[in-house]
Amino acid sequence: MSRYTPRMRQGHGCLGGLFRLVLVGVLGLGLVYGVVLVTDPWAIHIGGRTTPLLTWFGCGKLQTKGGAEYPLYVYFYPSSHFSQLHMDGLRPTGGLQGRGLLCTSPGVTTQLELSGTIYGGWRSTEGSLMAFRLLETRIIDAGQGRGFFDLAGRWQGSKLMMDERGGRGHPFRSGLRIENASVTLEWGTRSDFKDMCAKATNLPAHR
């Protein structure tokens, strides 16, 4: 007499469903990688590093008008949205999206949304130009303006050297305004940024 009971069949059914779910997930990831390899192959190798998660993390000190230095952290990955305009004679080849953190006083940060475009880069970021808009996150959508500043610059090996390119930006809710900014971004983690922010000394006082 068989000992295979309805409870056992139910157990096998749950395992089968889990297997199918995992299989769909793996196929989905494979599809995403396939699309990136075709549309944004530079995302596999950003700044001279292998980036299997298609994401680059970096930080540096944002130098601004008056000599202030704000530790800045960003991460970005490919986006389907980007500018159609040329920059420095280079055509746009892909979009960027991500997040950032700006250290405004020791241990205090402002969250940022990152969007942008890569120019001239296809299989590699080497020598390519990237342009970011770093926009203050919105807590409640009440139609209020949001602070932002723009950066653009080229990759030189593992470093992304950027400046404001004469953009005016918009003041943050705190009154902070980023002007005449420049930064050299290098690979770094959020923990690296937190250390920089905690030790920051060349920051002006803000309300």
Foldseek 3Di string as FASTA:
>chain_A
DDPCDPVNVVVVVVVVVVVVVVVVVVVVVVVVVVVCVVQPLQLCAALNRGDPVSKFKKWWWKAFPPGFTKIKIWMKGWDQDEDQDDDPPFGWRTKIWTKMWIQQAQQDIFIWTKIWTWTPDHNHQAFIKIKIKTWGDDPDPPVDDIWIAMWMAGRDRQKTKIWRVPDQTDAHPQRDGGHRIIIIIGGDDVVVSNVCRNPRDRHDDTD
